Each structure stands twice: as C-alpha cells, then as structure tokens.
C-alpha cells in the first residue's frame, strides 16, 4: 500500500523518517510501502536530493 505523499518536500520528510525508524535501505522501504524505488529517487531528485546508502537517507 502506497502511503507516501506525492509532494516531493513532504515525501522527503516521510521517507527519511521511515528510513531512520523502520527500514534499513531504500529497497526495503520501497517494498514495504509498495512503491518502485526509482519513483522515490526520481521524485526526490526533483528537489535535488539523492539517496545515500551509508547514512540511509536522502541528502
């Protein structure tokens, strides 16, 4: 079930919180939330954020 907001700024907040509190990777988050990880990366790329594996967050 996709519970992520469509707005990139709101999505950034939700995704980074989920990565911090619930998921160990972007792939785990995408699977758990029923979203293609490429969609998350593309949408957050619109506001110049990209996934950093080492910190497990979008920066």
N, C-alpha and C. Protein backbone atom coordinates (compact mmCIF):
# COMPACT_ATOMS: atom_id res chain seq x y z
N UNK A 1 0.84 -1.18 0.00
CA UNK A 1 0.00 0.00 0.00
C UNK A 1 0.89 1.25 0.00
N UNK A 2 0.66 2.12 -0.96
CA UNK A 2 1.46 3.33 -1.07
C UNK A 2 0.89 4.40 -0.16
N UNK A 3 1.64 4.74 0.87
CA UNK A 3 1.20 5.77 1.82
C UNK A 3 2.08 7.01 1.73
N UNK A 4 2.93 7.08 0.71
CA UNK A 4 3.84 8.20 0.59
C UNK A 4 3.15 9.38 -0.09
N UNK A 5 3.41 10.59 0.39
CA UNK A 5 2.82 11.77 -0.24
C UNK A 5 3.40 11.99 -1.63
N UNK A 6 2.65 12.63 -2.51
CA UNK A 6 3.13 12.93 -3.85
C UNK A 6 4.04 14.16 -3.89
N UNK A 7 3.81 15.12 -3.01
CA UNK A 7 4.63 16.33 -2.96
C UNK A 7 6.05 15.95 -2.56
N UNK A 8 7.06 16.34 -3.36
CA UNK A 8 8.44 15.93 -3.06
C UNK A 8 8.95 16.38 -1.69
N UNK A 9 8.61 17.58 -1.26
CA UNK A 9 9.10 18.06 0.04
C UNK A 9 8.49 17.25 1.18
N UNK A 10 7.20 16.98 1.07
CA UNK A 10 6.55 16.15 2.09
C UNK A 10 7.08 14.72 2.04
N UNK A 11 7.29 14.21 0.82
CA UNK A 11 7.82 12.87 0.66
C UNK A 11 9.20 12.75 1.31
N UNK A 12 10.04 13.76 1.14
CA UNK A 12 11.38 13.75 1.74
C UNK A 12 11.29 13.53 3.24
N UNK A 13 10.44 14.27 3.89
CA UNK A 13 10.31 14.15 5.34
C UNK A 13 9.83 12.76 5.74
N UNK A 14 8.81 12.26 5.07
CA UNK A 14 8.25 10.95 5.39
C UNK A 14 9.27 9.84 5.11
N UNK A 15 9.90 9.90 3.95
CA UNK A 15 10.86 8.86 3.56
C UNK A 15 12.05 8.82 4.52
N UNK A 16 12.63 9.97 4.83
CA UNK A 16 13.77 9.96 5.75
C UNK A 16 13.38 9.49 7.14
N UNK A 17 12.19 9.82 7.58
CA UNK A 17 11.72 9.32 8.88
C UNK A 17 11.56 7.80 8.84
N UNK A 18 10.96 7.29 7.78
CA UNK A 18 10.79 5.84 7.64
C UNK A 18 12.14 5.13 7.56
N UNK A 19 13.07 5.72 6.83
CA UNK A 19 14.40 5.11 6.74
C UNK A 19 15.10 5.10 8.10
N UNK A 20 14.91 6.13 8.86
CA UNK A 20 15.53 6.20 10.18
C UNK A 20 14.89 5.22 11.17
N UNK A 21 13.56 5.15 11.14
CA UNK A 21 12.84 4.42 12.18
C UNK A 21 12.45 2.98 11.84
N UNK A 22 12.30 2.67 10.54
CA UNK A 22 11.67 1.40 10.21
C UNK A 22 12.42 0.55 9.19
N UNK A 23 13.11 1.17 8.24
CA UNK A 23 13.71 0.41 7.14
C UNK A 23 15.21 0.59 7.09
N UNK A 24 15.90 -0.49 6.71
CA UNK A 24 17.37 -0.45 6.67
C UNK A 24 17.92 -0.06 5.31
N UNK A 25 17.05 0.12 4.31
CA UNK A 25 17.52 0.53 2.98
C UNK A 25 16.35 1.09 2.18
N UNK A 26 16.69 1.79 1.10
CA UNK A 26 15.66 2.32 0.21
C UNK A 26 14.86 1.17 -0.40
N UNK A 27 15.52 0.07 -0.73
CA UNK A 27 14.83 -1.07 -1.32
C UNK A 27 13.82 -1.67 -0.35
N UNK A 28 14.19 -1.78 0.92
CA UNK A 28 13.26 -2.29 1.94
C UNK A 28 12.07 -1.36 2.10
N UNK A 29 12.32 -0.06 2.11
CA UNK A 29 11.24 0.92 2.23
C UNK A 29 10.29 0.80 1.04
N UNK A 30 10.84 0.75 -0.16
CA UNK A 30 10.01 0.67 -1.36
C UNK A 30 9.14 -0.58 -1.34
N UNK A 31 9.73 -1.70 -0.98
CA UNK A 31 8.98 -2.95 -0.91
C UNK A 31 7.89 -2.86 0.15
N UNK A 32 8.24 -2.36 1.32
CA UNK A 32 7.29 -2.26 2.42
C UNK A 32 6.14 -1.30 2.15
N UNK A 33 6.42 -0.25 1.39
CA UNK A 33 5.40 0.76 1.11
C UNK A 33 4.73 0.57 -0.25
N UNK A 34 5.18 -0.45 -1.00
CA UNK A 34 4.57 -0.75 -2.29
C UNK A 34 4.84 0.28 -3.37
N UNK A 35 6.07 0.79 -3.39
CA UNK A 35 6.46 1.82 -4.35
C UNK A 35 7.76 1.40 -5.03
N UNK A 36 7.90 1.72 -6.28
CA UNK A 36 9.14 1.47 -7.01
C UNK A 36 10.21 2.42 -6.46
N UNK A 37 11.39 1.90 -6.06
CA UNK A 37 12.41 2.80 -5.53
C UNK A 37 12.85 3.86 -6.53
N UNK A 38 12.75 3.56 -7.82
CA UNK A 38 13.11 4.55 -8.84
C UNK A 38 12.15 5.74 -8.81
N UNK A 39 10.89 5.50 -8.48
CA UNK A 39 9.91 6.58 -8.39
C UNK A 39 10.27 7.50 -7.23
N UNK A 40 10.64 6.93 -6.11
CA UNK A 40 11.04 7.73 -4.95
C UNK A 40 12.27 8.56 -5.30
N UNK A 41 13.27 7.93 -5.87
CA UNK A 41 14.50 8.63 -6.22
C UNK A 41 14.25 9.72 -7.25
N UNK A 42 13.41 9.44 -8.23
CA UNK A 42 13.10 10.43 -9.27
C UNK A 42 12.38 11.63 -8.67
N UNK A 43 11.40 11.37 -7.84
CA UNK A 43 10.62 12.46 -7.27
C UNK A 43 11.48 13.32 -6.34
N UNK A 44 12.31 12.69 -5.53
CA UNK A 44 13.16 13.46 -4.63
C UNK A 44 14.32 14.12 -5.39
N UNK A 45 14.68 13.56 -6.52
CA UNK A 45 15.67 14.20 -7.38
C UNK A 45 15.17 15.53 -7.93
N UNK A 46 13.86 15.67 -8.02
CA UNK A 46 13.26 16.93 -8.50
C UNK A 46 13.61 18.09 -7.57
N UNK A 47 13.90 17.80 -6.32
CA UNK A 47 14.27 18.84 -5.37
C UNK A 47 15.74 18.68 -4.95
N UNK A 48 16.51 18.04 -5.84
CA UNK A 48 17.97 17.91 -5.69
C UNK A 48 18.41 17.07 -4.49
N UNK A 49 17.66 16.03 -4.18
CA UNK A 49 18.05 15.08 -3.13
C UNK A 49 18.31 13.74 -3.77
N UNK A 50 19.30 13.04 -3.27
CA UNK A 50 19.60 11.68 -3.74
C UNK A 50 19.86 10.79 -2.53
N UNK A 51 19.68 9.50 -2.74
CA UNK A 51 19.82 8.53 -1.66
C UNK A 51 21.29 8.28 -1.36
N UNK A 52 21.65 8.29 -0.09
CA UNK A 52 22.98 7.99 0.37
C UNK A 52 22.92 6.69 1.17
N UNK A 53 23.50 5.63 0.62
CA UNK A 53 23.44 4.31 1.28
C UNK A 53 24.13 4.31 2.65
N UNK A 54 25.23 5.00 2.75
CA UNK A 54 26.00 4.99 4.00
C UNK A 54 25.20 5.55 5.17
N UNK A 55 24.47 6.63 4.92
CA UNK A 55 23.69 7.23 6.00
C UNK A 55 22.23 6.77 5.99
N UNK A 56 21.86 6.02 4.93
CA UNK A 56 20.49 5.52 4.77
C UNK A 56 19.47 6.65 4.84
N UNK A 57 19.75 7.69 4.06
CA UNK A 57 18.82 8.81 3.98
C UNK A 57 19.02 9.57 2.67
N UNK A 58 18.05 10.38 2.35
CA UNK A 58 18.17 11.27 1.21
C UNK A 58 18.80 12.56 1.68
N UNK A 59 19.82 13.01 0.95
CA UNK A 59 20.54 14.24 1.29
C UNK A 59 20.56 15.14 0.09
